[in-house]
Amino acid sequence: MITAIHTLIYTDDAEATRAFLRDVLEWPHVDAHDGWLIFRTGPSEMGVHPAGDGAPHHEISLMCDDLDQTVKDLTAKGARFTGEIEIMSFGRTIMMAVPGAQDMLVYEPSHETAYDR
């Protein structure tokens, strides 16, 4: 039986990305070997969307209960956000810069979530 999903972030600066996840997002982690950190990402869910022309085939989004407070808390820890909070069909969203990697969507869902079940 499948017990979890292991996601990957491909980065141009693995040390900076790992430091951001460890120090800013404060995700629990283990050191698999020699500073190779593996992070616990908490409850998760996965949706399946049609790819369309040029759409990515995988995406990581971070969910929160209160987007305003999350942006405030993470900004105080040094996170940078690109653009303003927007209202989308699935919730309130903003893009967060991840050092060494692509920006990541952070959102407060307006829909029922699978991890609530």
C-alpha atoms as a PDB file:
ATOM      1  CA  MET A   1       0.000   0.000   0.000  1.00  0.00           C
ATOM      2  CA  ILE A   2       1.218   3.523  -0.783  1.00  0.00           C
ATOM      3  CA  THR A   3       1.966   5.379   2.453  1.00  0.00           C
ATOM      4  CA  ALA A   4       3.042   8.860   1.304  1.00  0.00           C
ATOM      5  CA  ILE A   5       4.005  11.117  -1.584  1.00  0.00           C
ATOM      6  CA  HIS A   6       7.615  12.264  -1.912  1.00  0.00           C
ATOM      7  CA  THR A   7       7.808  15.598  -3.742  1.00  0.00           C
ATOM      8  CA  LEU A   8      10.961  17.177  -5.165  1.00  0.00           C
ATOM      9  CA  ILE A   9      12.034  20.755  -5.717  1.00  0.00           C
ATOM     10  CA  TYR A  10      14.707  21.147  -8.377  1.00  0.00           C
ATOM     11  CA  THR A  11      16.844  24.140  -7.487  1.00  0.00           C
ATOM     12  CA  ASP A  12      19.874  26.052  -8.704  1.00  0.00           C
ATOM     13  CA  ASP A  13      20.953  26.557  -5.064  1.00  0.00           C
ATOM     14  CA  ALA A  14      20.050  23.518  -2.951  1.00  0.00           C
ATOM     15  CA  GLU A  15      21.646  24.932   0.190  1.00  0.00           C
ATOM     16  CA  ALA A  16      19.602  28.175   0.005  1.00  0.00           C
ATOM     17  CA  THR A  17      16.388  26.298  -0.757  1.00  0.00           C
ATOM     18  CA  ARG A  18      16.941  23.871   2.119  1.00  0.00           C
ATOM     19  CA  ALA A  19      17.755  26.747   4.489  1.00  0.00           C
ATOM     20  CA  PHE A  20      14.531  28.526   3.468  1.00  0.00           C
ATOM     21  CA  LEU A  21      12.406  25.425   4.087  1.00  0.00           C
ATOM     22  CA  ARG A  22      14.195  24.738   7.389  1.00  0.00           C
ATOM     23  CA  ASP A  23      14.541  28.272   8.793  1.00  0.00           C
ATOM     24  CA  VAL A  24      11.690  30.298   7.285  1.00  0.00           C
ATOM     25  CA  LEU A  25       8.955  27.694   6.852  1.00  0.00           C
ATOM     26  CA  GLU A  26      10.324  25.795   9.896  1.00  0.00           C
ATOM     27  CA  TRP A  27       9.497  22.385   8.425  1.00  0.00           C
ATOM     28  CA  PRO A  28      10.648  19.412  10.497  1.00  0.00           C
ATOM     29  CA  HIS A  29      13.325  17.416   8.706  1.00  0.00           C
ATOM     30  CA  VAL A  30      15.844  14.647   8.893  1.00  0.00           C
ATOM     31  CA  ASP A  31      19.372  14.748   7.575  1.00  0.00           C
ATOM     32  CA  ALA A  32      19.522  11.751   5.238  1.00  0.00           C
ATOM     33  CA  HIS A  33      23.289  12.226   4.877  1.00  0.00           C
ATOM     34  CA  ASP A  34      25.803  15.063   4.714  1.00  0.00           C
ATOM     35  CA  GLY A  35      23.249  17.910   4.903  1.00  0.00           C
ATOM     36  CA  TRP A  36      20.800  16.289   2.470  1.00  0.00           C
ATOM     37  CA  LEU A  37      17.623  17.325   4.280  1.00  0.00           C
ATOM     38  CA  ILE A  38      14.300  15.540   3.786  1.00  0.00           C
ATOM     39  CA  PHE A  39      11.330  17.610   4.994  1.00  0.00           C
ATOM     40  CA  ARG A  40       8.030  16.536   6.510  1.00  0.00           C
ATOM     41  CA  THR A  41       5.413  18.515   4.651  1.00  0.00           C
ATOM     42  CA  GLY A  42       2.369  17.684   6.732  1.00  0.00           C
ATOM     43  CA  PRO A  43      -1.118  16.904   5.460  1.00  0.00           C
ATOM     44  CA  SER A  44      -1.401  16.863   1.704  1.00  0.00           C
ATOM     45  CA  GLU A  45      -3.768  16.266  -1.145  1.00  0.00           C
ATOM     46  CA  MET A  46      -3.362  15.845  -4.885  1.00  0.00           C
ATOM     47  CA  GLY A  47      -5.580  17.093  -7.686  1.00  0.00           C
ATOM     48  CA  VAL A  48      -5.448  16.035 -11.330  1.00  0.00           C
ATOM     49  CA  HIS A  49      -5.800  18.763 -13.964  1.00  0.00           C
ATOM     50  CA  PRO A  50      -5.642  18.580 -17.762  1.00  0.00           C
ATOM     51  CA  ALA A  51      -2.222  19.788 -18.951  1.00  0.00           C
ATOM     52  CA  GLY A  52      -3.220  21.960 -21.906  1.00  0.00           C
ATOM     53  CA  ASP A  53      -0.683  23.703 -24.102  1.00  0.00           C
ATOM     54  CA  GLY A  54       2.537  24.479 -22.286  1.00  0.00           C
ATOM     55  CA  ALA A  55       1.138  23.846 -18.804  1.00  0.00           C
ATOM     56  CA  PRO A  56       3.456  22.244 -16.239  1.00  0.00           C
ATOM     57  CA  HIS A  57       2.940  18.574 -15.557  1.00  0.00           C
ATOM     58  CA  HIS A  58       3.655  18.864 -11.814  1.00  0.00           C
ATOM     59  CA  GLU A  59       3.204  21.736  -9.393  1.00  0.00           C
ATOM     60  CA  ILE A  60       3.654  22.245  -5.663  1.00  0.00           C
ATOM     61  CA  SER A  61       1.313  24.624  -3.839  1.00  0.00           C
ATOM     62  CA  LEU A  62       1.345  25.362  -0.121  1.00  0.00           C
ATOM     63  CA  MET A  63      -1.982  25.616   1.716  1.00  0.00           C
ATOM     64  CA  CYS A  64      -2.779  27.633   4.838  1.00  0.00           C
ATOM     65  CA  ASP A  65      -5.796  28.478   6.974  1.00  0.00           C
ATOM     66  CA  ASP A  66      -5.265  32.268   7.077  1.00  0.00           C
ATOM     67  CA  LEU A  67      -3.364  33.734   4.121  1.00  0.00           C
ATOM     68  CA  ASP A  68      -3.035  37.245   5.563  1.00  0.00           C
ATOM     69  CA  GLN A  69      -1.477  35.952   8.790  1.00  0.00           C
ATOM     70  CA  THR A  70       0.734  33.474   6.917  1.00  0.00           C
ATOM     71  CA  VAL A  71       2.110  36.210   4.649  1.00  0.00           C
ATOM     72  CA  LYS A  72       2.712  38.435   7.675  1.00  0.00           C
ATOM     73  CA  ASP A  73       4.451  35.681   9.663  1.00  0.00           C
ATOM     74  CA  LEU A  74       6.613  34.475   6.774  1.00  0.00           C
ATOM     75  CA  THR A  75       7.538  38.023   5.707  1.00  0.00           C
ATOM     76  CA  ALA A  76       8.793  38.643   9.254  1.00  0.00           C
ATOM     77  CA  LYS A  77      11.061  35.598   8.822  1.00  0.00           C
ATOM     78  CA  GLY A  78      12.474  36.893   5.537  1.00  0.00           C
ATOM     79  CA  ALA A  79      10.148  35.367   2.935  1.00  0.00           C
ATOM     80  CA  ARG A  80       9.414  37.451  -0.156  1.00  0.00           C
ATOM     81  CA  PHE A  81       6.110  37.424  -2.005  1.00  0.00           C
ATOM     82  CA  THR A  82       5.661  38.434  -5.625  1.00  0.00           C
ATOM     83  CA  GLY A  83       2.519  40.313  -6.519  1.00  0.00           C
ATOM     84  CA  GLU A  84      -0.519  40.829  -4.346  1.00  0.00           C
ATOM     85  CA  ILE A  85      -3.078  38.455  -2.858  1.00  0.00           C
ATOM     86  CA  GLU A  86      -5.571  37.434  -5.529  1.00  0.00           C
ATOM     87  CA  ILE A  87      -8.944  35.741  -5.345  1.00  0.00           C
ATOM     88  CA  MET A  88      -9.143  32.680  -7.584  1.00  0.00           C
ATOM     89  CA  SER A  89     -11.924  30.132  -8.039  1.00  0.00           C
ATOM     90  CA  PHE A  90     -10.243  27.804  -5.505  1.00  0.00           C
ATOM     91  CA  GLY A  91      -9.238  30.385  -2.877  1.00  0.00           C
ATOM     92  CA  ARG A  92      -7.076  33.378  -2.007  1.00  0.00           C
ATOM     93  CA  THR A  93      -3.564  33.114  -3.454  1.00  0.00           C
ATOM     94  CA  ILE A  94      -0.139  34.709  -3.602  1.00  0.00           C
ATOM     95  CA  MET A  95       3.186  33.652  -5.083  1.00  0.00           C
ATOM     96  CA  MET A  96       6.137  33.176  -2.730  1.00  0.00           C
ATOM     97  CA  ALA A  97       9.752  33.382  -3.894  1.00  0.00           C
ATOM     98  CA  VAL A  98      11.759  30.266  -3.018  1.00  0.00           C
ATOM     99  CA  PRO A  99      15.525  30.873  -3.046  1.00  0.00           C
ATOM    100  CA  GLY A 100      17.192  28.943  -5.857  1.00  0.00           C
ATOM    101  CA  ALA A 101      13.904  27.594  -7.211  1.00  0.00           C
ATOM    102  CA  GLN A 102      10.732  28.732  -8.954  1.00  0.00           C
ATOM    103  CA  ASP A 103       8.106  30.734  -7.106  1.00  0.00           C
ATOM    104  CA  MET A 104       5.559  28.634  -5.224  1.00  0.00           C
ATOM    105  CA  LEU A 105       1.834  29.298  -4.874  1.00  0.00           C
ATOM    106  CA  VAL A 106       0.564  29.772  -1.312  1.00  0.00           C
ATOM    107  CA  TYR A 107      -3.184  29.698  -0.876  1.00  0.00           C
ATOM    108  CA  GLU A 108      -6.083  29.676   1.553  1.00  0.00           C
ATOM    109  CA  PRO A 109      -8.546  27.229   0.002  1.00  0.00           C
ATOM    110  CA  SER A 110     -12.190  28.133  -0.391  1.00  0.00           C
ATOM    111  CA  HIS A 111     -13.050  24.499  -1.176  1.00  0.00           C
ATOM    112  CA  GLU A 112     -13.344  21.454   1.040  1.00  0.00           C
ATOM    113  CA  THR A 113      -9.941  19.836   1.441  1.00  0.00           C
ATOM    114  CA  ALA A 114      -9.196  16.122   1.275  1.00  0.00           C
ATOM    115  CA  TYR A 115      -7.029  16.221   4.406  1.00  0.00           C
ATOM    116  CA  ASP A 116     -10.049  17.391   6.423  1.00  0.00           C
ATOM    117  CA  ARG A 117     -11.684  13.992   5.875  1.00  0.00           C
END
